[in-house]
């Protein structure tokens, strides 16, 4: 079966358009009121502005003639009447006097207008400064000062578990790697609330709760706070605070040692620290590169080798005491396990 495609007629152009510019001498616009042969002949220039040849034969009405684009001045109300500053919308402007500038016949001064301005509104909603200083808690610290204190300590001092190499990392880091032996170092914090017997190594902080405890295991941390039972091998690179009696095996090295009242902590292999504050009872040898302060209720059963010893009235040291300002408690760095590191 054969068919024939019929195209869409669409728009048809009946003829060429004739465009003529309007005469400047014409005064009134052309108004078409029906077919009139005489009018077509006399006013041909006005009728045929934009009209096709076919429509012209049918006596069709031409398009309206364009007008000159002249600037027109629109009249309206004044700014004072628009904002409600005057009563008369058709007010006449008056020249400014020597006083405050005026706007209309019922103008207001700058001081009066400023009372309702946006600046005055914002200022009225701002903080009120009173003459009396508010009383703040004794431990209050301004937010900007706290921010400066936090920003000042942007790095943590991390000591490697294996080679004792010390490096600095960001305080926002979750883990790192030793620069010497490439061992993985976690920086996570832990709070122990139950009895544990497994090894835990981190350079974050470990807190042992009152009902928690560590027995027959090995732990490594930065700051150690003991509120429960402990009987473990401890590697602490920060502050060690004991609020409960326990046994710490291994040669503990910490930055600061604090044993609170009514606590008895035993160090069979000794303890090394940079500062020591003994308020309870310490059993074992103590080596300190800084001051050792023993309170009235404190006692040390063992030898004490420190740069400075401060004994309060009633304090007891059962062992040999030696003062040496040049004593050092730094751990020797072990051989690096990384082949690229020598020494």
C-alpha atoms as a PDB file:
ATOM      1  CA  UNK A   1       0.000   0.000   0.000  1.00  0.00           C
ATOM      2  CA  UNK A   2       1.409   3.304  -1.038  1.00  0.00           C
ATOM      3  CA  UNK A   3       0.691   6.553   0.677  1.00  0.00           C
ATOM      4  CA  UNK A   4       1.590  10.136   0.303  1.00  0.00           C
ATOM      5  CA  UNK A   5       2.851  12.271   3.134  1.00  0.00           C
ATOM      6  CA  UNK A   6       1.013  15.496   3.663  1.00  0.00           C
ATOM      7  CA  UNK A   7       3.198  18.160   5.227  1.00  0.00           C
ATOM      8  CA  UNK A   8       1.934  20.342   8.001  1.00  0.00           C
ATOM      9  CA  UNK A   9       0.780  23.593   6.452  1.00  0.00           C
ATOM     10  CA  UNK A  10       1.944  25.626   9.400  1.00  0.00           C
ATOM     11  CA  UNK A  11       2.239  29.326   8.901  1.00  0.00           C
ATOM     12  CA  UNK A  12       2.007  30.800   5.415  1.00  0.00           C
ATOM     13  CA  UNK A  13       3.480  34.010   4.207  1.00  0.00           C
ATOM     14  CA  UNK A  14       0.935  35.725   2.018  1.00  0.00           C
ATOM     15  CA  UNK A  15       3.308  38.269   0.666  1.00  0.00           C
ATOM     16  CA  UNK A  16       6.164  40.565   1.429  1.00  0.00           C
ATOM     17  CA  UNK A  17       5.632  43.056   4.180  1.00  0.00           C
ATOM     18  CA  UNK A  18       5.841  46.719   3.350  1.00  0.00           C
ATOM     19  CA  UNK A  19       7.351  48.916   6.019  1.00  0.00           C
ATOM     20  CA  UNK A  20       7.182  52.651   5.893  1.00  0.00           C
ATOM     21  CA  UNK A  21       8.218  55.204   8.470  1.00  0.00           C
ATOM     22  CA  UNK A  22       5.405  57.422   9.747  1.00  0.00           C
ATOM     23  CA  UNK A  23       5.362  61.001   8.607  1.00  0.00           C
ATOM     24  CA  UNK A  24       6.389  63.536  11.182  1.00  0.00           C
ATOM     25  CA  UNK A  25       3.794  65.985   9.979  1.00  0.00           C
ATOM     26  CA  UNK A  26       0.879  63.788  10.973  1.00  0.00           C
ATOM     27  CA  UNK A  27      -0.869  65.077  14.072  1.00  0.00           C
ATOM     28  CA  UNK A  28      -3.570  62.500  14.948  1.00  0.00           C
ATOM     29  CA  UNK A  29      -3.177  58.664  14.879  1.00  0.00           C
ATOM     30  CA  UNK A  30      -5.018  56.750  12.184  1.00  0.00           C
ATOM     31  CA  UNK A  31      -8.272  55.059  13.173  1.00  0.00           C
ATOM     32  CA  UNK A  32      -9.757  52.549  10.727  1.00  0.00           C
ATOM     33  CA  UNK A  33     -13.573  52.522  10.529  1.00  0.00           C
ATOM     34  CA  UNK A  34     -14.251  50.225   7.589  1.00  0.00           C
ATOM     35  CA  UNK A  35     -13.219  49.758   4.010  1.00  0.00           C
ATOM     36  CA  UNK A  36     -12.878  53.048   2.221  1.00  0.00           C
ATOM     37  CA  UNK A  37     -11.114  53.345  -1.113  1.00  0.00           C
ATOM     38  CA  UNK A  38     -10.655  57.071  -0.805  1.00  0.00           C
ATOM     39  CA  UNK A  39      -9.019  56.811   2.562  1.00  0.00           C
ATOM     40  CA  UNK A  40      -6.648  54.148   1.264  1.00  0.00           C
ATOM     41  CA  UNK A  41      -5.505  56.409  -1.531  1.00  0.00           C
ATOM     42  CA  UNK A  42      -5.162  59.563   0.536  1.00  0.00           C
ATOM     43  CA  UNK A  43      -3.669  58.012   3.664  1.00  0.00           C
ATOM     44  CA  UNK A  44      -1.701  55.175   2.114  1.00  0.00           C
ATOM     45  CA  UNK A  45       1.410  56.121   3.973  1.00  0.00           C
ATOM     46  CA  UNK A  46      -0.418  55.884   7.320  1.00  0.00           C
ATOM     47  CA  UNK A  47      -2.363  52.675   6.648  1.00  0.00           C
ATOM     48  CA  UNK A  48       0.453  50.606   5.207  1.00  0.00           C
ATOM     49  CA  UNK A  49       2.954  50.651   8.052  1.00  0.00           C
ATOM     50  CA  UNK A  50       3.285  46.875   8.472  1.00  0.00           C
ATOM     51  CA  UNK A  51       0.766  44.981   6.319  1.00  0.00           C
ATOM     52  CA  UNK A  52       1.054  42.250   3.728  1.00  0.00           C
ATOM     53  CA  UNK A  53       0.026  42.699   0.121  1.00  0.00           C
ATOM     54  CA  UNK A  54      -2.831  40.188   0.385  1.00  0.00           C
ATOM     55  CA  UNK A  55      -4.264  41.778   3.520  1.00  0.00           C
ATOM     56  CA  UNK A  56      -3.993  45.158   1.896  1.00  0.00           C
ATOM     57  CA  UNK A  57      -6.220  43.989  -0.944  1.00  0.00           C
ATOM     58  CA  UNK A  58      -8.819  42.746   1.550  1.00  0.00           C
ATOM     59  CA  UNK A  59      -8.874  46.161   3.181  1.00  0.00           C
ATOM     60  CA  UNK A  60      -7.494  44.764   6.432  1.00  0.00           C
ATOM     61  CA  UNK A  61      -6.692  47.003   9.328  1.00  0.00           C
ATOM     62  CA  UNK A  62      -2.968  47.830   9.563  1.00  0.00           C
ATOM     63  CA  UNK A  63      -0.881  47.486  12.697  1.00  0.00           C
ATOM     64  CA  UNK A  64      -0.785  50.457  15.041  1.00  0.00           C
ATOM     65  CA  UNK A  65       1.775  53.024  14.209  1.00  0.00           C
ATOM     66  CA  UNK A  66       4.720  53.198  16.660  1.00  0.00           C
ATOM     67  CA  UNK A  67       5.037  56.312  18.728  1.00  0.00           C
ATOM     68  CA  UNK A  68       8.180  58.218  19.479  1.00  0.00           C
ATOM     69  CA  UNK A  69      10.075  56.958  22.567  1.00  0.00           C
ATOM     70  CA  UNK A  70      10.088  60.145  24.508  1.00  0.00           C
ATOM     71  CA  UNK A  71      10.869  60.348  28.189  1.00  0.00           C
ATOM     72  CA  UNK A  72       7.761  60.814  30.272  1.00  0.00           C
ATOM     73  CA  UNK A  73       7.753  62.145  33.742  1.00  0.00           C
ATOM     74  CA  UNK A  74       5.553  60.188  36.118  1.00  0.00           C
ATOM     75  CA  UNK A  75       4.039  62.150  38.863  1.00  0.00           C
ATOM     76  CA  UNK A  76       3.548  60.529  42.251  1.00  0.00           C
ATOM     77  CA  UNK A  77       3.628  61.160  45.932  1.00  0.00           C
ATOM     78  CA  UNK A  78       6.708  62.456  47.655  1.00  0.00           C
ATOM     79  CA  UNK A  79       9.015  60.454  49.883  1.00  0.00           C
ATOM     80  CA  UNK A  80       7.622  62.148  52.978  1.00  0.00           C
ATOM     81  CA  UNK A  81       4.043  61.219  52.054  1.00  0.00           C
ATOM     82  CA  UNK A  82       5.110  57.665  51.172  1.00  0.00           C
ATOM     83  CA  UNK A  83       6.691  57.039  54.583  1.00  0.00           C
ATOM     84  CA  UNK A  84       3.879  58.805  56.428  1.00  0.00           C
ATOM     85  CA  UNK A  85       5.923  61.794  57.479  1.00  0.00           C
ATOM     86  CA  UNK A  86       3.452  64.289  56.000  1.00  0.00           C
ATOM     87  CA  UNK A  87      -0.306  64.446  55.663  1.00  0.00           C
ATOM     88  CA  UNK A  88      -0.569  65.992  52.224  1.00  0.00           C
ATOM     89  CA  UNK A  89       0.353  63.709  49.333  1.00  0.00           C
ATOM     90  CA  UNK A  90       0.661  66.631  46.919  1.00  0.00           C
ATOM     91  CA  UNK A  91       2.948  68.658  49.121  1.00  0.00           C
ATOM     92  CA  UNK A  92       5.291  71.227  47.716  1.00  0.00           C
ATOM     93  CA  UNK A  93       8.934  71.149  48.647  1.00  0.00           C
ATOM     94  CA  UNK A  94      10.284  74.043  50.630  1.00  0.00           C
ATOM     95  CA  UNK A  95      13.857  75.285  50.736  1.00  0.00           C
ATOM     96  CA  UNK A  96      15.953  74.081  53.650  1.00  0.00           C
ATOM     97  CA  UNK A  97      16.362  76.453  56.541  1.00  0.00           C
ATOM     98  CA  UNK A  98      19.428  77.050  58.673  1.00  0.00           C
ATOM     99  CA  UNK A  99      18.266  74.434  61.208  1.00  0.00           C
ATOM    100  CA  UNK A 100      17.814  70.686  60.666  1.00  0.00           C
ATOM    101  CA  UNK A 101      17.034  69.583  57.093  1.00  0.00           C
ATOM    102  CA  UNK A 102      13.351  69.460  56.238  1.00  0.00           C
ATOM    103  CA  UNK A 103      11.237  67.178  54.113  1.00  0.00           C
ATOM    104  CA  UNK A 104       7.874  68.636  53.193  1.00  0.00           C
ATOM    105  CA  UNK A 105       5.878  71.079  55.217  1.00  0.00           C
ATOM    106  CA  UNK A 106       5.754  68.843  58.288  1.00  0.00           C
ATOM    107  CA  UNK A 107       9.389  67.663  58.337  1.00  0.00           C
ATOM    108  CA  UNK A 108      11.088  66.257  61.424  1.00  0.00           C
ATOM    109  CA  UNK A 109      14.621  66.710  62.627  1.00  0.00           C
ATOM    110  CA  UNK A 110      17.435  64.195  62.257  1.00  0.00           C
ATOM    111  CA  UNK A 111      17.362  63.421  65.982  1.00  0.00           C
ATOM    112  CA  UNK A 112      13.698  62.478  65.857  1.00  0.00           C
ATOM    113  CA  UNK A 113      14.121  60.344  62.750  1.00  0.00           C
ATOM    114  CA  UNK A 114      17.151  58.565  64.227  1.00  0.00           C
ATOM    115  CA  UNK A 115      15.086  57.286  67.162  1.00  0.00           C
ATOM    116  CA  UNK A 116      13.144  54.953  64.867  1.00  0.00           C
ATOM    117  CA  UNK A 117      16.010  54.006  62.542  1.00  0.00           C
ATOM    118  CA  UNK A 118      17.341  50.500  62.066  1.00  0.00           C
ATOM    119  CA  UNK A 119      20.614  51.397  63.801  1.00  0.00           C
ATOM    120  CA  UNK A 120      18.717  52.536  66.869  1.00  0.00           C
ATOM    121  CA  UNK A 121      16.659  49.331  66.846  1.00  0.00           C
ATOM    122  CA  UNK A 122      19.748  47.130  66.658  1.00  0.00           C
ATOM    123  CA  UNK A 123      21.456  49.121  69.391  1.00  0.00           C
ATOM    124  CA  UNK A 124      18.429  48.809  71.655  1.00  0.00           C
ATOM    125  CA  UNK A 125      18.512  45.002  71.338  1.00  0.00           C
ATOM    126  CA  UNK A 126      22.230  44.709  72.106  1.00  0.00           C
ATOM    127  CA  UNK A 127      23.757  43.669  75.436  1.00  0.00           C
ATOM    128  CA  UNK A 128      23.166  45.953  78.361  1.00  0.00           C
ATOM    129  CA  UNK A 129      26.332  46.975  80.154  1.00  0.00           C
ATOM    130  CA  UNK A 130      25.699  47.512  83.829  1.00  0.00           C
ATOM    131  CA  UNK A 131      27.946  49.337  86.191  1.00  0.00           C
ATOM    132  CA  UNK A 132      28.123  46.471  88.698  1.00  0.00           C
ATOM    133  CA  UNK A 133      30.191  43.406  87.830  1.00  0.00           C
ATOM    134  CA  UNK A 134      28.362  40.105  87.973  1.00  0.00           C
ATOM    135  CA  UNK A 135      29.633  37.628  90.499  1.00  0.00           C
ATOM    136  CA  UNK A 136      31.099  34.538  88.856  1.00  0.00           C
ATOM    137  CA  UNK A 137      32.277  31.230  90.367  1.00  0.00           C
ATOM    138  CA  UNK A 138      35.874  31.199  91.588  1.00  0.00           C
ATOM    139  CA  UNK A 139      36.878  28.624  88.952  1.00  0.00           C
ATOM    140  CA  UNK A 140      35.209  30.496  86.066  1.00  0.00           C
ATOM    141  CA  UNK A 141      37.328  31.116  82.999  1.00  0.00           C
ATOM    142  CA  UNK A 142      36.302  33.247  80.056  1.00  0.00           C
ATOM    143  CA  UNK A 143      35.648  31.347  76.789  1.00  0.00           C
ATOM    144  CA  UNK A 144      38.350  33.225  74.903  1.00  0.00           C
ATOM    145  CA  UNK A 145      40.902  32.371  77.596  1.00  0.00           C
ATOM    146  CA  UNK A 146      39.887  28.713  77.513  1.00  0.00           C
ATOM    147  CA  UNK A 147      40.249  28.717  73.746  1.00  0.00           C
ATOM    148  CA  UNK A 148      43.732  30.197  73.977  1.00  0.00           C
ATOM    149  CA  UNK A 149      44.689  27.616  76.596  1.00  0.00           C
ATOM    150  CA  UNK A 150      43.496  24.774  74.370  1.00  0.00           C
ATOM    151  CA  UNK A 151      45.132  26.176  71.241  1.00  0.00           C
ATOM    152  CA  UNK A 152      48.422  26.527  73.075  1.00  0.00           C
ATOM    153  CA  UNK A 153      48.621  22.740  73.549  1.00  0.00           C
ATOM    154  CA  UNK A 154      47.931  21.611  70.005  1.00  0.00           C
ATOM    155  CA  UNK A 155      50.348  18.664  70.193  1.00  0.00           C
ATOM    156  CA  UNK A 156      50.685  15.611  72.410  1.00  0.00           C
ATOM    157  CA  UNK A 157      53.926  14.035  73.551  1.00  0.00           C
ATOM    158  CA  UNK A 158      53.805  10.361  72.625  1.00  0.00           C
ATOM    159  CA  UNK A 159      56.338   7.769  73.791  1.00  0.00           C
ATOM    160  CA  UNK A 160      56.732   4.556  71.815  1.00  0.00           C
ATOM    161  CA  UNK A 161      55.970   1.255  73.532  1.00  0.00           C
ATOM    162  CA  UNK A 162      58.903  -0.562  71.972  1.00  0.00           C
ATOM    163  CA  UNK A 163      61.854   1.804  71.548  1.00  0.00           C
ATOM    164  CA  UNK A 164      60.811   4.632  73.933  1.00  0.00           C
ATOM    165  CA  UNK A 165      61.201   7.230  71.191  1.00  0.00           C
ATOM    166  CA  UNK A 166      59.296  10.453  71.987  1.00  0.00           C
ATOM    167  CA  UNK A 167      57.463  12.320  69.215  1.00  0.00           C
ATOM    168  CA  UNK A 168      54.771  14.992  69.018  1.00  0.00           C
ATOM    169  CA  UNK A 169      51.452  14.461  67.270  1.00  0.00           C
ATOM    170  CA  UNK A 170      48.267  16.480  66.901  1.00  0.00           C
ATOM    171  CA  UNK A 171      45.923  16.441  69.856  1.00  0.00           C
ATOM    172  CA  UNK A 172      43.067  15.565  67.470  1.00  0.00           C
ATOM    173  CA  UNK A 173      44.798  12.426  66.138  1.00  0.00           C
ATOM    174  CA  UNK A 174      43.275   9.001  66.863  1.00  0.00           C
ATOM    175  CA  UNK A 175      46.449   7.015  66.218  1.00  0.00           C
ATOM    176  CA  UNK A 176      50.007   7.392  64.980  1.00  0.00           C
ATOM    177  CA  UNK A 177      53.114   5.425  64.027  1.00  0.00           C
ATOM    178  CA  UNK A 178      56.531   5.498  65.647  1.00  0.00           C
ATOM    179  CA  UNK A 179      59.105   7.388  63.601  1.00  0.00           C
ATOM    180  CA  UNK A 180      61.881   4.995  64.628  1.00  0.00           C
ATOM    181  CA  UNK A 181      60.474   1.480  64.756  1.00  0.00           C
ATOM    182  CA  UNK A 182      57.215   2.010  62.799  1.00  0.00           C
ATOM    183  CA  UNK A 183      55.099   0.396  65.503  1.00  0.00           C
ATOM    184  CA  UNK A 184      51.384   1.276  65.552  1.00  0.00           C
ATOM    185  CA  UNK A 185      50.367   3.504  68.486  1.00  0.00           C
ATOM    186  CA  UNK A 186      46.732   3.968  69.430  1.00  0.00           C
ATOM    187  CA  UNK A 187      45.647   7.231  71.053  1.00  0.00           C
ATOM    188  CA  UNK A 188      42.205   6.124  72.241  1.00  0.00           C
ATOM    189  CA  UNK A 189      40.975   6.736  75.800  1.00  0.00           C
ATOM    190  CA  UNK A 190      39.491   3.935  77.927  1.00  0.00           C
ATOM    191  CA  UNK A 191      37.381   3.766  81.061  1.00  0.00           C
ATOM    192  CA  UNK A 192      37.404   0.393  82.785  1.00  0.00           C
ATOM    193  CA  UNK A 193      34.231  -0.290  84.770  1.00  0.00           C
ATOM    194  CA  UNK A 194      34.577  -4.073  85.221  1.00  0.00           C
ATOM    195  CA  UNK A 195      37.316  -6.550  86.084  1.00  0.00           C
ATOM    196  CA  UNK A 196      39.689  -7.045  83.142  1.00  0.00           C
ATOM    197  CA  UNK A 197      42.557  -9.471  82.605  1.00  0.00           C
ATOM    198  CA  UNK A 198      43.650  -8.699  79.048  1.00  0.00           C
ATOM    199  CA  UNK A 199      46.500  -6.555  77.724  1.00  0.00           C
ATOM    200  CA  UNK A 200      45.675  -2.979  76.773  1.00  0.00           C
ATOM    201  CA  UNK A 201      48.126  -0.680  75.012  1.00  0.00           C
ATOM    202  CA  UNK A 202      47.404   2.919  74.133  1.00  0.00           C
ATOM    203  CA  UNK A 203      48.896   6.337  74.552  1.00  0.00           C
ATOM    204  CA  UNK A 204      45.534   7.735  75.485  1.00  0.00           C
ATOM    205  CA  UNK A 205      44.223   7.985  79.036  1.00  0.00           C
ATOM    206  CA  UNK A 206      43.018   5.018  81.107  1.00  0.00           C
ATOM    207  CA  UNK A 207      40.641   5.460  84.019  1.00  0.00           C
ATOM    208  CA  UNK A 208      39.865   2.521  86.296  1.00  0.00           C
ATOM    209  CA  UNK A 209      36.472   2.967  87.938  1.00  0.00           C
ATOM    210  CA  UNK A 210      35.610   2.092  91.512  1.00  0.00           C
ATOM    211  CA  UNK A 211      34.073  -1.220  90.483  1.00  0.00           C
ATOM    212  CA  UNK A 212      36.664  -1.819  87.783  1.00  0.00           C
ATOM    213  CA  UNK A 213      40.029  -3.473  88.030  1.00  0.00           C
ATOM    214  CA  UNK A 214      43.035  -4.866  86.163  1.00  0.00           C
ATOM    215  CA  UNK A 215      44.602  -8.120  87.311  1.00  0.00           C
ATOM    216  CA  UNK A 216      47.562 -10.104  85.967  1.00  0.00           C
ATOM    217  CA  UNK A 217      47.809  -8.203  82.711  1.00  0.00           C
ATOM    218  CA  UNK A 218      49.882  -5.533  80.998  1.00  0.00           C
ATOM    219  CA  UNK A 219      48.725  -2.002  80.207  1.00  0.00           C
ATOM    220  CA  UNK A 220      50.324   1.035  78.576  1.00  0.00           C
ATOM    221  CA  UNK A 221      48.811   4.512  78.623  1.00  0.00           C
ATOM    222  CA  UNK A 222      49.520   8.210  78.918  1.00  0.00           C
ATOM    223  CA  UNK A 223      47.596   9.357  82.022  1.00  0.00           C
ATOM    224  CA  UNK A 224      46.512   6.685  84.514  1.00  0.00           C
ATOM    225  CA  UNK A 225      43.838   7.223  87.147  1.00  0.00           C
ATOM    226  CA  UNK A 226      43.221   4.322  89.532  1.00  0.00           C
ATOM    227  CA  UNK A 227      39.973   4.315  91.491  1.00  0.00           C
ATOM    228  CA  UNK A 228      39.703   0.517  91.717  1.00  0.00           C
ATOM    229  CA  UNK A 229      41.851  -2.573  92.022  1.00  0.00           C
ATOM    230  CA  UNK A 230      45.088  -2.861  90.063  1.00  0.00           C
ATOM    231  CA  UNK A 231      47.673  -5.648  89.911  1.00  0.00           C
ATOM    232  CA  UNK A 232      49.364  -5.285  86.560  1.00  0.00           C
ATOM    233  CA  UNK A 233      52.493  -4.393  84.638  1.00  0.00           C
ATOM    234  CA  UNK A 234      52.127  -0.679  83.892  1.00  0.00           C
ATOM    235  CA  UNK A 235      53.853   1.563  81.329  1.00  0.00           C
ATOM    236  CA  UNK A 236      52.686   5.128  81.977  1.00  0.00           C
ATOM    237  CA  UNK A 237      54.125   8.123  80.102  1.00  0.00           C
ATOM    238  CA  UNK A 238      51.991  10.809  81.801  1.00  0.00           C
ATOM    239  CA  UNK A 239      50.613  11.297  85.309  1.00  0.00           C
ATOM    240  CA  UNK A 240      49.813   8.321  87.550  1.00  0.00           C
ATOM    241  CA  UNK A 241      47.158   9.059  90.185  1.00  0.00           C
ATOM    242  CA  UNK A 242      46.291   6.370  92.748  1.00  0.00           C
ATOM    243  CA  UNK A 243      43.100   6.732  94.779  1.00  0.00           C
ATOM    244  CA  UNK A 244      42.959   3.027  95.628  1.00  0.00           C
ATOM    245  CA  UNK A 245      45.486   0.531  96.920  1.00  0.00           C
ATOM    246  CA  UNK A 246      47.146  -1.798  94.443  1.00  0.00           C
ATOM    247  CA  UNK A 247      50.276  -3.390  93.058  1.00  0.00           C
ATOM    248  CA  UNK A 248      52.157  -1.997  90.052  1.00  0.00           C
ATOM    249  CA  UNK A 249      54.681  -4.388  88.555  1.00  0.00           C
ATOM    250  CA  UNK A 250      57.513  -3.481  86.248  1.00  0.00           C
ATOM    251  CA  UNK A 251      59.785  -0.479  86.419  1.00  0.00           C
ATOM    252  CA  UNK A 252      57.117   2.217  86.213  1.00  0.00           C
ATOM    253  CA  UNK A 253      58.204   5.491  84.628  1.00  0.00           C
ATOM    254  CA  UNK A 254      55.754   8.401  84.779  1.00  0.00           C
ATOM    255  CA  UNK A 255      55.834  12.165  84.645  1.00  0.00           C
ATOM    256  CA  UNK A 256      54.100  12.722  87.997  1.00  0.00           C
ATOM    257  CA  UNK A 257      53.241  10.273  90.783  1.00  0.00           C
ATOM    258  CA  UNK A 258      50.405  11.005  93.198  1.00  0.00           C
ATOM    259  CA  UNK A 259      49.332   8.634  95.989  1.00  0.00           C
ATOM    260  CA  UNK A 260      46.362   9.989  97.911  1.00  0.00           C
ATOM    261  CA  UNK A 261      45.514   9.444 101.576  1.00  0.00           C
ATOM    262  CA  UNK A 262      44.562   6.014 102.916  1.00  0.00           C
ATOM    263  CA  UNK A 263      46.086   4.321  99.862  1.00  0.00           C
ATOM    264  CA  UNK A 264      48.920   1.797  99.841  1.00  0.00           C
ATOM    265  CA  UNK A 265      50.629   1.207  96.504  1.00  0.00           C
ATOM    266  CA  UNK A 266      53.376  -1.363  96.109  1.00  0.00           C
ATOM    267  CA  UNK A 267      56.105  -1.129  93.456  1.00  0.00           C
ATOM    268  CA  UNK A 268      58.160  -4.367  93.606  1.00  0.00           C
ATOM    269  CA  UNK A 269      60.419  -3.271  90.731  1.00  0.00           C
ATOM    270  CA  UNK A 270      60.615   0.399  91.745  1.00  0.00           C
ATOM    271  CA  UNK A 271      59.234   3.583  90.230  1.00  0.00           C
ATOM    272  CA  UNK A 272      60.805   6.483  88.338  1.00  0.00           C
ATOM    273  CA  UNK A 273      59.165   9.866  88.022  1.00  0.00           C
ATOM    274  CA  UNK A 274      59.859  13.556  87.530  1.00  0.00           C
ATOM    275  CA  UNK A 275      57.741  14.665  90.502  1.00  0.00           C
ATOM    276  CA  UNK A 276      56.223  12.782  93.429  1.00  0.00           C
ATOM    277  CA  UNK A 277      53.535  13.724  95.945  1.00  0.00           C
ATOM    278  CA  UNK A 278      53.081  11.021  98.561  1.00  0.00           C
ATOM    279  CA  UNK A 279      50.039  11.480 100.781  1.00  0.00           C
ATOM    280  CA  UNK A 280      49.523   7.770 101.459  1.00  0.00           C
ATOM    281  CA  UNK A 281      51.988   4.878 101.677  1.00  0.00           C
ATOM    282  CA  UNK A 282      54.489   3.876  99.001  1.00  0.00           C
ATOM    283  CA  UNK A 283      56.277   0.532  99.206  1.00  0.00           C
ATOM    284  CA  UNK A 284      59.313   0.257  96.931  1.00  0.00           C
ATOM    285  CA  UNK A 285      62.301   2.227  95.710  1.00  0.00           C
ATOM    286  CA  UNK A 286      61.640   5.737  94.395  1.00  0.00           C
ATOM    287  CA  UNK A 287      63.828   7.602  91.894  1.00  0.00           C
ATOM    288  CA  UNK A 288      62.789  11.171  91.124  1.00  0.00           C
ATOM    289  CA  UNK A 289      64.505  13.812  88.973  1.00  0.00           C
ATOM    290  CA  UNK A 290      62.503  16.566  90.679  1.00  0.00           C
ATOM    291  CA  UNK A 291      61.068  17.273  94.123  1.00  0.00           C
ATOM    292  CA  UNK A 292      59.591  14.565  96.361  1.00  0.00           C
ATOM    293  CA  UNK A 293      56.997  15.826  98.842  1.00  0.00           C
ATOM    294  CA  UNK A 294      55.779  13.581 101.628  1.00  0.00           C
ATOM    295  CA  UNK A 295      52.798  14.845 103.638  1.00  0.00           C
ATOM    296  CA  UNK A 296      52.159  14.284 107.338  1.00  0.00           C
ATOM    297  CA  UNK A 297      50.229  11.065 106.791  1.00  0.00           C
ATOM    298  CA  UNK A 298      52.563   9.867 104.022  1.00  0.00           C
ATOM    299  CA  UNK A 299      55.318   7.305 104.265  1.00  0.00           C
ATOM    300  CA  UNK A 300      57.860   5.641 101.962  1.00  0.00           C
ATOM    301  CA  UNK A 301      59.175   2.153 102.650  1.00  0.00           C
ATOM    302  CA  UNK A 302      62.270   1.878 100.479  1.00  0.00           C
ATOM    303  CA  UNK A 303      65.195   3.858  99.161  1.00  0.00           C
ATOM    304  CA  UNK A 304      64.625   7.403  97.903  1.00  0.00           C
ATOM    305  CA  UNK A 305      66.952   8.971  95.343  1.00  0.00           C
ATOM    306  CA  UNK A 306      65.756  12.431  94.318  1.00  0.00           C
ATOM    307  CA  UNK A 307      66.890  15.917  93.379  1.00  0.00           C
ATOM    308  CA  UNK A 308      64.916  17.403  96.297  1.00  0.00           C
ATOM    309  CA  UNK A 309      63.126  15.887  99.296  1.00  0.00           C
ATOM    310  CA  UNK A 310      60.470  17.788 101.248  1.00  0.00           C
ATOM    311  CA  UNK A 311      59.235  16.060 104.403  1.00  0.00           C
ATOM    312  CA  UNK A 312      56.334  17.437 106.374  1.00  0.00           C
ATOM    313  CA  UNK A 313      56.094  16.969 110.118  1.00  0.00           C
ATOM    314  CA  UNK A 314      55.080  13.359 110.766  1.00  0.00           C
ATOM    315  CA  UNK A 315      56.287  12.008 107.395  1.00  0.00           C
ATOM    316  CA  UNK A 316      58.324   8.760 107.473  1.00  0.00           C
ATOM    317  CA  UNK A 317      60.966   7.385 105.074  1.00  0.00           C
ATOM    318  CA  UNK A 318      62.128   3.847 105.931  1.00  0.00           C
ATOM    319  CA  UNK A 319      65.217   3.403 103.805  1.00  0.00           C
ATOM    320  CA  UNK A 320      68.206   5.204 102.392  1.00  0.00           C
ATOM    321  CA  UNK A 321      67.633   8.809 101.286  1.00  0.00           C
ATOM    322  CA  UNK A 322      69.990  10.486  98.871  1.00  0.00           C
ATOM    323  CA  UNK A 323      69.755  13.940  97.309  1.00  0.00           C
ATOM    324  CA  UNK A 324      71.383  14.443  93.914  1.00  0.00           C
ATOM    325  CA  UNK A 325      70.484  17.547  91.815  1.00  0.00           C
ATOM    326  CA  UNK A 326      71.964  15.967  88.671  1.00  0.00           C
ATOM    327  CA  UNK A 327      69.908  12.786  88.784  1.00  0.00           C
ATOM    328  CA  UNK A 328      68.107  11.826  85.560  1.00  0.00           C
ATOM    329  CA  UNK A 329      65.109   9.590  84.992  1.00  0.00           C
ATOM    330  CA  UNK A 330      65.057   9.623  81.189  1.00  0.00           C
ATOM    331  CA  UNK A 331      64.586   6.219  79.625  1.00  0.00           C
ATOM    332  CA  UNK A 332      67.339   5.197  77.173  1.00  0.00           C
ATOM    333  CA  UNK A 333      66.099   4.919  73.598  1.00  0.00           C
ATOM    334  CA  UNK A 334      66.384   1.366  72.346  1.00  0.00           C
ATOM    335  CA  UNK A 335      67.750   0.294  68.983  1.00  0.00           C
ATOM    336  CA  UNK A 336      65.347   1.243  66.225  1.00  0.00           C
ATOM    337  CA  UNK A 337      63.633  -1.606  64.402  1.00  0.00           C
ATOM    338  CA  UNK A 338      63.319   0.401  61.214  1.00  0.00           C
ATOM    339  CA  UNK A 339      66.225  -0.481  58.867  1.00  0.00           C
ATOM    340  CA  UNK A 340      66.339   3.101  57.598  1.00  0.00           C
ATOM    341  CA  UNK A 341      67.180   4.363  61.106  1.00  0.00           C
ATOM    342  CA  UNK A 342      70.704   3.979  62.418  1.00  0.00           C
ATOM    343  CA  UNK A 343      71.327   3.799  66.145  1.00  0.00           C
END
